[in-house]
C-alpha atoms as a PDB file:
ATOM      1  CA  MET A   1     -28.755 -63.663  31.860  1.00  0.00           C
ATOM      2  CA  ALA A   2     -26.715 -64.092  28.722  1.00  0.00           C
ATOM      3  CA  GLN A   3     -23.288 -65.643  28.945  1.00  0.00           C
ATOM      4  CA  ARG A   4     -20.301 -63.558  27.960  1.00  0.00           C
ATOM      5  CA  ILE A   5     -18.453 -65.046  25.028  1.00  0.00           C
ATOM      6  CA  GLY A   6     -14.699 -65.010  25.064  1.00  0.00           C
ATOM      7  CA  GLY A   7     -11.823 -65.990  27.246  1.00  0.00           C
ATOM      8  CA  PHE A   8      -8.881 -64.625  29.144  1.00  0.00           C
ATOM      9  CA  ARG A   9      -7.891 -61.953  26.606  1.00  0.00           C
ATOM     10  CA  ARG A  10     -11.324 -60.650  25.576  1.00  0.00           C
ATOM     11  CA  LYS A  11     -11.562 -56.848  25.113  1.00  0.00           C
ATOM     12  CA  THR A  12      -7.785 -56.394  25.393  1.00  0.00           C
ATOM     13  CA  ARG A  13      -6.945 -55.365  21.822  1.00  0.00           C
ATOM     14  CA  SER A  14      -5.456 -52.008  22.786  1.00  0.00           C
ATOM     15  CA  LYS A  15      -4.313 -52.960  26.282  1.00  0.00           C
ATOM     16  CA  LEU A  16      -2.080 -55.820  25.127  1.00  0.00           C
ATOM     17  CA  LYS A  17      -0.837 -54.153  21.939  1.00  0.00           C
ATOM     18  CA  LYS A  18       2.860 -53.498  21.388  1.00  0.00           C
ATOM     19  CA  SER A  19       4.094 -50.272  19.872  1.00  0.00           C
ATOM     20  CA  PRO A  20       5.774 -50.685  16.458  1.00  0.00           C
ATOM     21  CA  LYS A  21       9.228 -49.944  17.908  1.00  0.00           C
ATOM     22  CA  ASP A  22       8.848 -52.776  20.477  1.00  0.00           C
ATOM     23  CA  LYS A  23       7.733 -55.460  18.027  1.00  0.00           C
ATOM     24  CA  GLY A  24      10.021 -58.358  17.225  1.00  0.00           C
ATOM     25  CA  LYS A  25      11.883 -60.904  19.297  1.00  0.00           C
ATOM     26  CA  ILE A  26      11.575 -60.655  23.061  1.00  0.00           C
ATOM     27  CA  SER A  27      14.691 -59.968  25.069  1.00  0.00           C
ATOM     28  CA  ILE A  28      16.305 -62.915  26.857  1.00  0.00           C
ATOM     29  CA  ARG A  29      17.392 -60.448  29.556  1.00  0.00           C
ATOM     30  CA  ASN A  30      13.746 -59.668  30.375  1.00  0.00           C
ATOM     31  CA  TYR A  31      12.793 -63.345  30.262  1.00  0.00           C
ATOM     32  CA  PHE A  32      15.367 -64.373  32.885  1.00  0.00           C
ATOM     33  CA  GLN A  33      15.500 -61.236  35.066  1.00  0.00           C
ATOM     34  CA  GLN A  34      15.769 -61.710  38.828  1.00  0.00           C
ATOM     35  CA  PHE A  35      13.938 -59.867  41.608  1.00  0.00           C
ATOM     36  CA  LYS A  36      14.480 -59.785  45.363  1.00  0.00           C
ATOM     37  CA  ILE A  37      11.716 -60.361  47.916  1.00  0.00           C
ATOM     38  CA  GLY A  38      10.227 -57.016  48.969  1.00  0.00           C
ATOM     39  CA  GLU A  39      11.140 -55.273  45.697  1.00  0.00           C
ATOM     40  CA  ARG A  40       8.492 -53.105  44.001  1.00  0.00           C
ATOM     41  CA  VAL A  41       7.551 -54.092  40.451  1.00  0.00           C
ATOM     42  CA  LEU A  42       5.292 -52.819  37.679  1.00  0.00           C
ATOM     43  CA  LEU A  43       2.939 -55.274  35.960  1.00  0.00           C
ATOM     44  CA  SER A  44       3.572 -54.774  32.252  1.00  0.00           C
ATOM     45  CA  ALA A  45       2.341 -57.647  30.083  1.00  0.00           C
ATOM     46  CA  GLU A  46       4.444 -59.046  27.260  1.00  0.00           C
ATOM     47  CA  PRO A  47       1.712 -60.015  24.758  1.00  0.00           C
ATOM     48  CA  ALA A  48       3.938 -62.456  22.853  1.00  0.00           C
ATOM     49  CA  VAL A  49       4.232 -64.701  25.940  1.00  0.00           C
ATOM     50  CA  GLN A  50       0.984 -66.074  27.355  1.00  0.00           C
ATOM     51  CA  GLN A  51       2.632 -68.317  29.959  1.00  0.00           C
ATOM     52  CA  GLY A  52       2.602 -66.772  33.421  1.00  0.00           C
ATOM     53  CA  MET A  53       0.514 -63.759  32.380  1.00  0.00           C
ATOM     54  CA  TYR A  54      -1.720 -62.129  34.975  1.00  0.00           C
ATOM     55  CA  PHE A  55      -5.368 -61.180  34.413  1.00  0.00           C
ATOM     56  CA  PRO A  56      -5.543 -58.069  32.162  1.00  0.00           C
ATOM     57  CA  ARG A  57      -7.515 -56.101  34.784  1.00  0.00           C
ATOM     58  CA  PHE A  58      -4.254 -55.673  36.735  1.00  0.00           C
ATOM     59  CA  HIS A  59      -2.291 -54.188  33.795  1.00  0.00           C
ATOM     60  CA  SER A  60       0.079 -51.333  34.795  1.00  0.00           C
ATOM     61  CA  LYS A  61      -0.441 -51.764  38.553  1.00  0.00           C
ATOM     62  CA  THR A  62       2.481 -51.835  40.949  1.00  0.00           C
ATOM     63  CA  GLY A  63       3.036 -54.526  43.519  1.00  0.00           C
ATOM     64  CA  VAL A  64       5.577 -56.068  45.870  1.00  0.00           C
ATOM     65  CA  ILE A  65       7.429 -59.357  45.352  1.00  0.00           C
ATOM     66  CA  LYS A  66       6.424 -61.718  48.165  1.00  0.00           C
ATOM     67  CA  ASN A  67       7.904 -65.054  47.119  1.00  0.00           C
ATOM     68  CA  LYS A  68       9.465 -67.033  44.276  1.00  0.00           C
ATOM     69  CA  LYS A  69       7.435 -69.966  42.975  1.00  0.00           C
ATOM     70  CA  GLY A  70       9.327 -72.038  40.419  1.00  0.00           C
ATOM     71  CA  SER A  71      10.406 -69.680  37.654  1.00  0.00           C
ATOM     72  CA  CYS A  72       7.608 -67.220  38.539  1.00  0.00           C
ATOM     73  CA  TYR A  73       7.093 -64.723  41.339  1.00  0.00           C
ATOM     74  CA  GLU A  74       4.216 -64.127  43.750  1.00  0.00           C
ATOM     75  CA  VAL A  75       3.299 -60.448  43.526  1.00  0.00           C
ATOM     76  CA  MET A  76       1.058 -58.782  46.137  1.00  0.00           C
ATOM     77  CA  ILE A  77      -1.088 -55.942  44.737  1.00  0.00           C
ATOM     78  CA  LYS A  78      -3.926 -53.818  46.067  1.00  0.00           C
ATOM     79  CA  ASP A  79      -7.183 -54.094  44.108  1.00  0.00           C
ATOM     80  CA  GLY A  80      -9.814 -51.835  45.565  1.00  0.00           C
ATOM     81  CA  GLY A  81      -9.555 -52.416  49.303  1.00  0.00           C
ATOM     82  CA  LYS A  82      -8.211 -55.964  49.104  1.00  0.00           C
ATOM     83  CA  GLU A  83      -4.716 -57.345  48.801  1.00  0.00           C
ATOM     84  CA  LYS A  84      -4.383 -59.969  46.082  1.00  0.00           C
ATOM     85  CA  THR A  85      -1.570 -62.346  45.213  1.00  0.00           C
ATOM     86  CA  LEU A  86      -0.726 -62.937  41.553  1.00  0.00           C
ATOM     87  CA  ILE A  87       1.662 -65.541  40.184  1.00  0.00           C
ATOM     88  CA  VAL A  88       3.539 -63.802  37.368  1.00  0.00           C
ATOM     89  CA  HIS A  89       6.396 -64.778  35.062  1.00  0.00           C
ATOM     90  CA  PRO A  90       9.320 -62.298  35.146  1.00  0.00           C
ATOM     91  CA  VAL A  91       8.878 -61.378  31.474  1.00  0.00           C
ATOM     92  CA  HIS A  92       5.692 -59.515  32.529  1.00  0.00           C
ATOM     93  CA  LEU A  93       7.421 -57.524  35.302  1.00  0.00           C
ATOM     94  CA  LYS A  94       9.513 -54.348  35.337  1.00  0.00           C
ATOM     95  CA  LYS A  95      11.358 -52.729  38.230  1.00  0.00           C
ATOM     96  CA  ALA A  96       9.365 -49.779  39.593  1.00  0.00           C
END
């Protein structure tokens, strides 16, 4: 079988694109936002920040905050029939 060429962000040109009105500097408020354990969040990637980004397959899914790990959060999501834990920076999360 042939190997697939590309890395983490392959085939994400439209998925990780910002609208023209959202382009520019990222908000400090979003970068340092706080969440409580058990709170529901929406995974919404900030393409300008690669640190703490989840795998693009999980874009626009909702999950529950399970724990805080450093400056990031552990988010539990359902993918198919399984529960998965993602470690996500708060800049990529929105309150659902």
